[in-house]
Amino acid sequence: MFARYSVLLLAALLAGPALWQAFVVGDLDMDTALIRYLIAVLVAAVMLGFLRMLYNTYQRIHEEHQLERQLEEMRQAEAERRAAAEAAAAEAEGNGPA
């Protein structure tokens, strides 16, 4: 879960100022910057995991609604087919031999 590229990239963005201060400017100890990066990895994993959970929930709800719509359309088509068959049977019965 923590090894996704999106998590690592977001963590790098979150810990970017600390990493910059440690590796470019030299004002911050490297150990401190790397610890901040590891904490940022955990925070990024939780943030992206929450977003992924929300997306999956809404995707499942959307799929359920789509299936319900398709089922309703199939029921409607079946009702129309039965009505047409009953009308044809009634017409054939009315036009039969007298």
C-alpha atoms as a PDB file:
ATOM      1  CA  MET A   1       0.000   0.000   0.000  1.00  0.00           C
ATOM      2  CA  PHE A   2       2.816   2.399   0.816  1.00  0.00           C
ATOM      3  CA  ALA A   3       4.869   1.641  -2.303  1.00  0.00           C
ATOM      4  CA  ARG A   4       2.534   3.237  -4.842  1.00  0.00           C
ATOM      5  CA  TYR A   5       4.200   5.897  -6.922  1.00  0.00           C
ATOM      6  CA  SER A   6       1.387   8.329  -6.210  1.00  0.00           C
ATOM      7  CA  VAL A   7       2.000   7.967  -2.458  1.00  0.00           C
ATOM      8  CA  LEU A   8       5.735   8.480  -2.821  1.00  0.00           C
ATOM      9  CA  LEU A   9       5.247  11.484  -5.099  1.00  0.00           C
ATOM     10  CA  LEU A  10       2.726  13.123  -2.779  1.00  0.00           C
ATOM     11  CA  ALA A  11       5.041  12.470   0.174  1.00  0.00           C
ATOM     12  CA  ALA A  12       7.894  14.113  -1.715  1.00  0.00           C
ATOM     13  CA  LEU A  13       5.679  17.139  -2.338  1.00  0.00           C
ATOM     14  CA  LEU A  14       4.641  17.289   1.306  1.00  0.00           C
ATOM     15  CA  ALA A  15       8.193  16.918   2.597  1.00  0.00           C
ATOM     16  CA  GLY A  16       9.710  18.957  -0.222  1.00  0.00           C
ATOM     17  CA  PRO A  17      10.697  22.001   1.833  1.00  0.00           C
ATOM     18  CA  ALA A  18      12.443  19.840   4.427  1.00  0.00           C
ATOM     19  CA  LEU A  19      14.235  17.836   1.757  1.00  0.00           C
ATOM     20  CA  TRP A  20      15.281  21.052   0.010  1.00  0.00           C
ATOM     21  CA  GLN A  21      16.637  22.508   3.245  1.00  0.00           C
ATOM     22  CA  ALA A  22      18.584  19.327   3.956  1.00  0.00           C
ATOM     23  CA  PHE A  23      20.023  18.451   0.563  1.00  0.00           C
ATOM     24  CA  VAL A  24      20.336  21.806  -1.227  1.00  0.00           C
ATOM     25  CA  VAL A  25      20.651  24.538   1.378  1.00  0.00           C
ATOM     26  CA  GLY A  26      22.205  22.406   4.106  1.00  0.00           C
ATOM     27  CA  ASP A  27      20.416  24.134   7.003  1.00  0.00           C
ATOM     28  CA  LEU A  28      18.609  20.972   8.151  1.00  0.00           C
ATOM     29  CA  ASP A  29      20.040  17.661   9.268  1.00  0.00           C
ATOM     30  CA  MET A  30      19.522  14.884   6.686  1.00  0.00           C
ATOM     31  CA  ASP A  31      18.179  12.485   9.319  1.00  0.00           C
ATOM     32  CA  THR A  32      15.485  14.974  10.272  1.00  0.00           C
ATOM     33  CA  ALA A  33      14.511  15.532   6.644  1.00  0.00           C
ATOM     34  CA  LEU A  34      14.273  11.789   5.960  1.00  0.00           C
ATOM     35  CA  ILE A  35      12.188  11.237   9.092  1.00  0.00           C
ATOM     36  CA  ARG A  36       9.859  13.979   7.902  1.00  0.00           C
ATOM     37  CA  TYR A  37       9.686  12.236   4.519  1.00  0.00           C
ATOM     38  CA  LEU A  38       8.767   8.922   6.164  1.00  0.00           C
ATOM     39  CA  ILE A  39       6.045  10.644   8.163  1.00  0.00           C
ATOM     40  CA  ALA A  40       4.853  12.279   4.950  1.00  0.00           C
ATOM     41  CA  VAL A  41       4.677   8.817   3.313  1.00  0.00           C
ATOM     42  CA  LEU A  42       2.318   7.653   6.059  1.00  0.00           C
ATOM     43  CA  VAL A  43       0.186  10.786   5.789  1.00  0.00           C
ATOM     44  CA  ALA A  44       0.071  10.548   1.988  1.00  0.00           C
ATOM     45  CA  ALA A  45      -0.903   6.868   2.144  1.00  0.00           C
ATOM     46  CA  VAL A  46      -3.793   7.658   4.471  1.00  0.00           C
ATOM     47  CA  MET A  47      -4.930  10.608   2.353  1.00  0.00           C
ATOM     48  CA  LEU A  48      -4.832   8.719  -0.935  1.00  0.00           C
ATOM     49  CA  GLY A  49      -6.350   5.617   0.665  1.00  0.00           C
ATOM     50  CA  PHE A  50      -9.293   7.697   1.839  1.00  0.00           C
ATOM     51  CA  LEU A  51      -9.758   9.194  -1.623  1.00  0.00           C
ATOM     52  CA  ARG A  52      -9.523   5.729  -3.179  1.00  0.00           C
ATOM     53  CA  MET A  53     -12.145   4.430  -0.736  1.00  0.00           C
ATOM     54  CA  LEU A  54     -14.505   7.291  -1.610  1.00  0.00           C
ATOM     55  CA  TYR A  55     -14.029   6.691  -5.329  1.00  0.00           C
ATOM     56  CA  ASN A  56     -14.708   2.957  -4.993  1.00  0.00           C
ATOM     57  CA  THR A  57     -17.844   3.611  -2.947  1.00  0.00           C
ATOM     58  CA  TYR A  58     -19.267   6.041  -5.481  1.00  0.00           C
ATOM     59  CA  GLN A  59     -18.261   3.757  -8.364  1.00  0.00           C
ATOM     60  CA  ARG A  60     -20.141   0.844  -6.782  1.00  0.00           C
ATOM     61  CA  ILE A  61     -23.228   3.026  -6.206  1.00  0.00           C
ATOM     62  CA  HIS A  62     -23.084   4.206  -9.820  1.00  0.00           C
ATOM     63  CA  GLU A  63     -22.853   0.627 -11.099  1.00  0.00           C
ATOM     64  CA  GLU A  64     -25.817  -0.424  -8.937  1.00  0.00           C
ATOM     65  CA  HIS A  65     -27.930   2.443 -10.283  1.00  0.00           C
ATOM     66  CA  GLN A  66     -26.930   1.581 -13.826  1.00  0.00           C
ATOM     67  CA  LEU A  67     -27.980  -2.044 -13.297  1.00  0.00           C
ATOM     68  CA  GLU A  68     -31.296  -0.922 -11.818  1.00  0.00           C
ATOM     69  CA  ARG A  69     -31.929   1.302 -14.858  1.00  0.00           C
ATOM     70  CA  GLN A  70     -31.147  -1.557 -17.231  1.00  0.00           C
ATOM     71  CA  LEU A  71     -33.433  -3.898 -15.293  1.00  0.00           C
ATOM     72  CA  GLU A  72     -36.247  -1.349 -15.398  1.00  0.00           C
ATOM     73  CA  GLU A  73     -35.770  -0.910 -19.157  1.00  0.00           C
ATOM     74  CA  MET A  74     -35.899  -4.687 -19.629  1.00  0.00           C
ATOM     75  CA  ARG A  75     -39.077  -4.909 -17.538  1.00  0.00           C
ATOM     76  CA  GLN A  76     -40.655  -2.120 -19.557  1.00  0.00           C
ATOM     77  CA  ALA A  77     -39.722  -3.786 -22.845  1.00  0.00           C
ATOM     78  CA  GLU A  78     -41.151  -7.104 -21.605  1.00  0.00           C
ATOM     79  CA  ALA A  79     -44.400  -5.398 -20.569  1.00  0.00           C
ATOM     80  CA  GLU A  80     -44.671  -3.761 -23.989  1.00  0.00           C
ATOM     81  CA  ARG A  81     -44.009  -7.085 -25.718  1.00  0.00           C
ATOM     82  CA  ARG A  82     -46.686  -8.826 -23.633  1.00  0.00           C
ATOM     83  CA  ALA A  83     -49.186  -6.030 -24.319  1.00  0.00           C
ATOM     84  CA  ALA A  84     -48.504  -6.311 -28.042  1.00  0.00           C
ATOM     85  CA  ALA A  85     -48.897 -10.104 -27.922  1.00  0.00           C
ATOM     86  CA  GLU A  86     -52.191  -9.802 -26.016  1.00  0.00           C
ATOM     87  CA  ALA A  87     -53.463  -7.209 -28.502  1.00  0.00           C
ATOM     88  CA  ALA A  88     -52.502  -9.458 -31.415  1.00  0.00           C
ATOM     89  CA  ALA A  89     -54.233 -12.439 -29.768  1.00  0.00           C
ATOM     90  CA  ALA A  90     -57.376 -10.395 -29.106  1.00  0.00           C
ATOM     91  CA  GLU A  91     -57.379  -9.150 -32.701  1.00  0.00           C
ATOM     92  CA  ALA A  92     -56.923 -12.677 -34.074  1.00  0.00           C
ATOM     93  CA  GLU A  93     -59.703 -13.934 -31.807  1.00  0.00           C
ATOM     94  CA  GLY A  94     -62.049 -11.176 -32.955  1.00  0.00           C
ATOM     95  CA  ASN A  95     -61.324 -11.743 -36.682  1.00  0.00           C
ATOM     96  CA  GLY A  96     -61.598 -15.535 -36.496  1.00  0.00           C
ATOM     97  CA  PRO A  97     -64.340 -17.680 -38.148  1.00  0.00           C
ATOM     98  CA  ALA A  98     -67.867 -16.663 -37.197  1.00  0.00           C
END
